[in-house]
Amino acid sequence: MAKDLMDISGRAVLITGASSRGIGSGAARKLAEHGAKMFLLARHESELK
């Protein structure tokens, strides 16, 4: 049986630039939808919320 390539549930992911409006933010949202444990880095903590 083929494993789902996006099955990352339980995996830890580190995203830098997560508060941006571009790739960092988009990647964080998509990976979270697929069950990843998120560790987010950004210049301003308030923008991560």
PDB file of N, CA and C in Angstrom:
ATOM      1  N   MET A   1       0.847  -1.170   0.000  1.00  0.00           N
ATOM      2  CA  MET A   1       0.000   0.000   0.000  1.00  0.00           C
ATOM      3  C   MET A   1       0.895   1.236   0.000  1.00  0.00           C
ATOM      4  N   ALA A   2       0.597   2.201  -0.856  1.00  0.00           N
ATOM      5  CA  ALA A   2       1.390   3.430  -0.949  1.00  0.00           C
ATOM      6  C   ALA A   2       1.094   4.335   0.234  1.00  0.00           C
ATOM      7  N   LYS A   3       2.135   4.886   0.792  1.00  0.00           N
ATOM      8  CA  LYS A   3       1.982   5.816   1.912  1.00  0.00           C
ATOM      9  C   LYS A   3       1.688   7.208   1.361  1.00  0.00           C
ATOM     10  N   ASP A   4       0.767   7.902   2.017  1.00  0.00           N
ATOM     11  CA  ASP A   4       0.440   9.272   1.636  1.00  0.00           C
ATOM     12  C   ASP A   4       1.663  10.155   1.862  1.00  0.00           C
ATOM     13  N   LEU A   5       2.137  10.816   0.818  1.00  0.00           N
ATOM     14  CA  LEU A   5       3.337  11.649   0.916  1.00  0.00           C
ATOM     15  C   LEU A   5       3.166  12.822   1.876  1.00  0.00           C
ATOM     16  N   MET A   6       1.945  13.280   2.085  1.00  0.00           N
ATOM     17  CA  MET A   6       1.712  14.399   2.991  1.00  0.00           C
ATOM     18  C   MET A   6       1.314  13.944   4.384  1.00  0.00           C
ATOM     19  N   ASP A   7       1.460  12.655   4.689  1.00  0.00           N
ATOM     20  CA  ASP A   7       1.162  12.169   6.037  1.00  0.00           C
ATOM     21  C   ASP A   7       2.358  12.479   6.924  1.00  0.00           C
ATOM     22  N   ILE A   8       2.315  13.623   7.553  1.00  0.00           N
ATOM     23  CA  ILE A   8       3.411  14.055   8.428  1.00  0.00           C
ATOM     24  C   ILE A   8       2.934  14.209   9.864  1.00  0.00           C
ATOM     25  N   SER A   9       1.809  13.587  10.184  1.00  0.00           N
ATOM     26  CA  SER A   9       1.271  13.699  11.531  1.00  0.00           C
ATOM     27  C   SER A   9       2.304  13.228  12.548  1.00  0.00           C
ATOM     28  N   GLY A  10       2.494  14.058  13.557  1.00  0.00           N
ATOM     29  CA  GLY A  10       3.446  13.753  14.609  1.00  0.00           C
ATOM     30  C   GLY A  10       4.878  14.167  14.317  1.00  0.00           C
ATOM     31  N   ARG A  11       5.183  14.586  13.110  1.00  0.00           N
ATOM     32  CA  ARG A  11       6.541  15.033  12.759  1.00  0.00           C
ATOM     33  C   ARG A  11       6.744  16.461  13.227  1.00  0.00           C
ATOM     34  N   ALA A  12       7.970  16.796  13.607  1.00  0.00           N
ATOM     35  CA  ALA A  12       8.305  18.159  14.026  1.00  0.00           C
ATOM     36  C   ALA A  12       8.812  18.948  12.827  1.00  0.00           C
ATOM     37  N   VAL A  13       8.293  20.172  12.677  1.00  0.00           N
ATOM     38  CA  VAL A  13       8.657  21.034  11.561  1.00  0.00           C
ATOM     39  C   VAL A  13       9.080  22.395  12.103  1.00  0.00           C
ATOM     40  N   LEU A  14      10.208  22.898  11.635  1.00  0.00           N
ATOM     41  CA  LEU A  14      10.694  24.223  12.006  1.00  0.00           C
ATOM     42  C   LEU A  14      10.515  25.152  10.817  1.00  0.00           C
ATOM     43  N   ILE A  15       9.755  26.229  11.016  1.00  0.00           N
ATOM     44  CA  ILE A  15       9.502  27.200   9.951  1.00  0.00           C
ATOM     45  C   ILE A  15      10.093  28.541  10.364  1.00  0.00           C
ATOM     46  N   THR A  16      10.975  29.076   9.551  1.00  0.00           N
ATOM     47  CA  THR A  16      11.482  30.427   9.787  1.00  0.00           C
ATOM     48  C   THR A  16      10.712  31.381   8.888  1.00  0.00           C
ATOM     49  N   GLY A  17      10.515  32.600   9.358  1.00  0.00           N
ATOM     50  CA  GLY A  17       9.739  33.561   8.586  1.00  0.00           C
ATOM     51  C   GLY A  17       8.262  33.238   8.596  1.00  0.00           C
ATOM     52  N   ALA A  18       7.789  32.625   9.673  1.00  0.00           N
ATOM     53  CA  ALA A  18       6.406  32.159   9.739  1.00  0.00           C
ATOM     54  C   ALA A  18       5.391  33.286   9.846  1.00  0.00           C
ATOM     55  N   SER A  19       5.814  34.478  10.210  1.00  0.00           N
ATOM     56  CA  SER A  19       4.853  35.578  10.342  1.00  0.00           C
ATOM     57  C   SER A  19       4.713  36.372   9.057  1.00  0.00           C
ATOM     58  N   SER A  20       5.444  35.986   8.037  1.00  0.00           N
ATOM     59  CA  SER A  20       5.364  36.707   6.768  1.00  0.00           C
ATOM     60  C   SER A  20       4.022  36.445   6.101  1.00  0.00           C
ATOM     61  N   ARG A  21       3.775  37.145   5.049  1.00  0.00           N
ATOM     62  CA  ARG A  21       2.549  36.910   4.284  1.00  0.00           C
ATOM     63  C   ARG A  21       2.839  36.054   3.058  1.00  0.00           C
ATOM     64  N   GLY A  22       3.997  35.438   3.041  1.00  0.00           N
ATOM     65  CA  GLY A  22       4.406  34.678   1.869  1.00  0.00           C
ATOM     66  C   GLY A  22       4.585  33.210   2.140  1.00  0.00           C
ATOM     67  N   ILE A  23       5.720  32.695   1.690  1.00  0.00           N
ATOM     68  CA  ILE A  23       5.980  31.262   1.733  1.00  0.00           C
ATOM     69  C   ILE A  23       6.016  30.709   3.156  1.00  0.00           C
ATOM     70  N   GLY A  24       6.648  31.423   4.084  1.00  0.00           N
ATOM     71  CA  GLY A  24       6.744  30.930   5.462  1.00  0.00           C
ATOM     72  C   GLY A  24       5.385  30.700   6.093  1.00  0.00           C
ATOM     73  N   SER A  25       4.512  31.685   5.955  1.00  0.00           N
ATOM     74  CA  SER A  25       3.169  31.579   6.515  1.00  0.00           C
ATOM     75  C   SER A  25       2.363  30.493   5.813  1.00  0.00           C
ATOM     76  N   GLY A  26       2.442  30.459   4.504  1.00  0.00           N
ATOM     77  CA  GLY A  26       1.706  29.454   3.738  1.00  0.00           C
ATOM     78  C   GLY A  26       2.156  28.041   4.061  1.00  0.00           C
ATOM     79  N   ALA A  27       3.458  27.860   4.181  1.00  0.00           N
ATOM     80  CA  ALA A  27       3.999  26.536   4.512  1.00  0.00           C
ATOM     81  C   ALA A  27       3.555  26.112   5.906  1.00  0.00           C
ATOM     82  N   ALA A  28       3.598  27.035   6.850  1.00  0.00           N
ATOM     83  CA  ALA A  28       3.193  26.720   8.223  1.00  0.00           C
ATOM     84  C   ALA A  28       1.731  26.287   8.271  1.00  0.00           C
ATOM     85  N   ARG A  29       0.885  27.016   7.584  1.00  0.00           N
ATOM     86  CA  ARG A  29      -0.548  26.673   7.582  1.00  0.00           C
ATOM     87  C   ARG A  29      -0.796  25.304   6.945  1.00  0.00           C
ATOM     88  N   LYS A  30      -0.177  25.043   5.815  1.00  0.00           N
ATOM     89  CA  LYS A  30      -0.401  23.784   5.100  1.00  0.00           C
ATOM     90  C   LYS A  30       0.135  22.595   5.897  1.00  0.00           C
ATOM     91  N   LEU A  31       1.332  22.731   6.463  1.00  0.00           N
ATOM     92  CA  LEU A  31       1.903  21.635   7.238  1.00  0.00           C
ATOM     93  C   LEU A  31       1.099  21.368   8.502  1.00  0.00           C
ATOM     94  N   ALA A  32       0.575  22.417   9.126  1.00  0.00           N
ATOM     95  CA  ALA A  32      -0.275  22.237  10.311  1.00  0.00           C
ATOM     96  C   ALA A  32      -1.556  21.488   9.943  1.00  0.00           C
ATOM     97  N   GLU A  33      -2.114  21.769   8.770  1.00  0.00           N
ATOM     98  CA  GLU A  33      -3.309  21.052   8.309  1.00  0.00           C
ATOM     99  C   GLU A  33      -3.054  19.561   8.181  1.00  0.00           C
ATOM    100  N   HIS A  34      -1.811  19.194   7.923  1.00  0.00           N
ATOM    101  CA  HIS A  34      -1.455  17.782   7.742  1.00  0.00           C
ATOM    102  C   HIS A  34      -0.907  17.150   9.013  1.00  0.00           C
ATOM    103  N   GLY A  35      -1.065  17.835  10.156  1.00  0.00           N
ATOM    104  CA  GLY A  35      -0.770  17.228  11.449  1.00  0.00           C
ATOM    105  C   GLY A  35       0.635  17.388  11.983  1.00  0.00           C
ATOM    106  N   ALA A  36       1.431  18.273  11.418  1.00  0.00           N
ATOM    107  CA  ALA A  36       2.802  18.459  11.909  1.00  0.00           C
ATOM    108  C   ALA A  36       2.812  19.221  13.234  1.00  0.00           C
ATOM    109  N   LYS A  37       3.775  18.908  14.077  1.00  0.00           N
ATOM    110  CA  LYS A  37       4.022  19.696  15.288  1.00  0.00           C
ATOM    111  C   LYS A  37       4.862  20.896  14.855  1.00  0.00           C
ATOM    112  N   MET A  38       4.378  22.086  15.122  1.00  0.00           N
ATOM    113  CA  MET A  38       4.983  23.287  14.575  1.00  0.00           C
ATOM    114  C   MET A  38       5.897  23.997  15.560  1.00  0.00           C
ATOM    115  N   PHE A  39       7.047  24.427  15.075  1.00  0.00           N
ATOM    116  CA  PHE A  39       7.959  25.309  15.787  1.00  0.00           C
ATOM    117  C   PHE A  39       8.171  26.493  14.846  1.00  0.00           C
ATOM    118  N   LEU A  40       7.657  27.655  15.250  1.00  0.00           N
ATOM    119  CA  LEU A  40       7.662  28.816  14.366  1.00  0.00           C
ATOM    120  C   LEU A  40       8.636  29.878  14.845  1.00  0.00           C
ATOM    121  N   LEU A  41       9.363  30.473  13.917  1.00  0.00           N
ATOM    122  CA  LEU A  41      10.295  31.553  14.211  1.00  0.00           C
ATOM    123  C   LEU A  41       9.914  32.767  13.385  1.00  0.00           C
ATOM    124  N   ALA A  42      10.018  33.939  14.003  1.00  0.00           N
ATOM    125  CA  ALA A  42       9.729  35.190  13.299  1.00  0.00           C
ATOM    126  C   ALA A  42      10.446  36.331  14.015  1.00  0.00           C
ATOM    127  N   ARG A  43      10.550  37.435  13.333  1.00  0.00           N
ATOM    128  CA  ARG A  43      11.191  38.607  13.938  1.00  0.00           C
ATOM    129  C   ARG A  43      10.360  39.195  15.064  1.00  0.00           C
ATOM    130  N   HIS A  44       9.030  39.139  14.920  1.00  0.00           N
ATOM    131  CA  HIS A  44       8.127  39.755  15.901  1.00  0.00           C
ATOM    132  C   HIS A  44       7.128  38.724  16.390  1.00  0.00           C
ATOM    133  N   GLU A  45       7.197  38.417  17.685  1.00  0.00           N
ATOM    134  CA  GLU A  45       6.320  37.404  18.255  1.00  0.00           C
ATOM    135  C   GLU A  45       4.840  37.748  18.066  1.00  0.00           C
ATOM    136  N   SER A  46       4.498  39.018  18.168  1.00  0.00           N
ATOM    137  CA  SER A  46       3.088  39.419  18.053  1.00  0.00           C
ATOM    138  C   SER A  46       2.498  39.038  16.696  1.00  0.00           C
ATOM    139  N   GLU A  47       3.314  38.983  15.657  1.00  0.00           N
ATOM    140  CA  GLU A  47       2.810  38.643  14.325  1.00  0.00           C
ATOM    141  C   GLU A  47       2.555  37.151  14.155  1.00  0.00           C
ATOM    142  N   LEU A  48       3.069  36.331  15.053  1.00  0.00           N
ATOM    143  CA  LEU A  48       2.820  34.886  14.968  1.00  0.00           C
ATOM    144  C   LEU A  48       1.424  34.543  15.454  1.00  0.00           C
ATOM    145  N   LYS A  49       0.866  35.349  16.302  1.00  0.00           N
ATOM    146  CA  LYS A  49      -0.452  35.060  16.873  1.00  0.00           C
ATOM    147  C   LYS A  49      -1.495  35.263  15.825  1.00  0.00           C
TER     148      LYS A  49
END
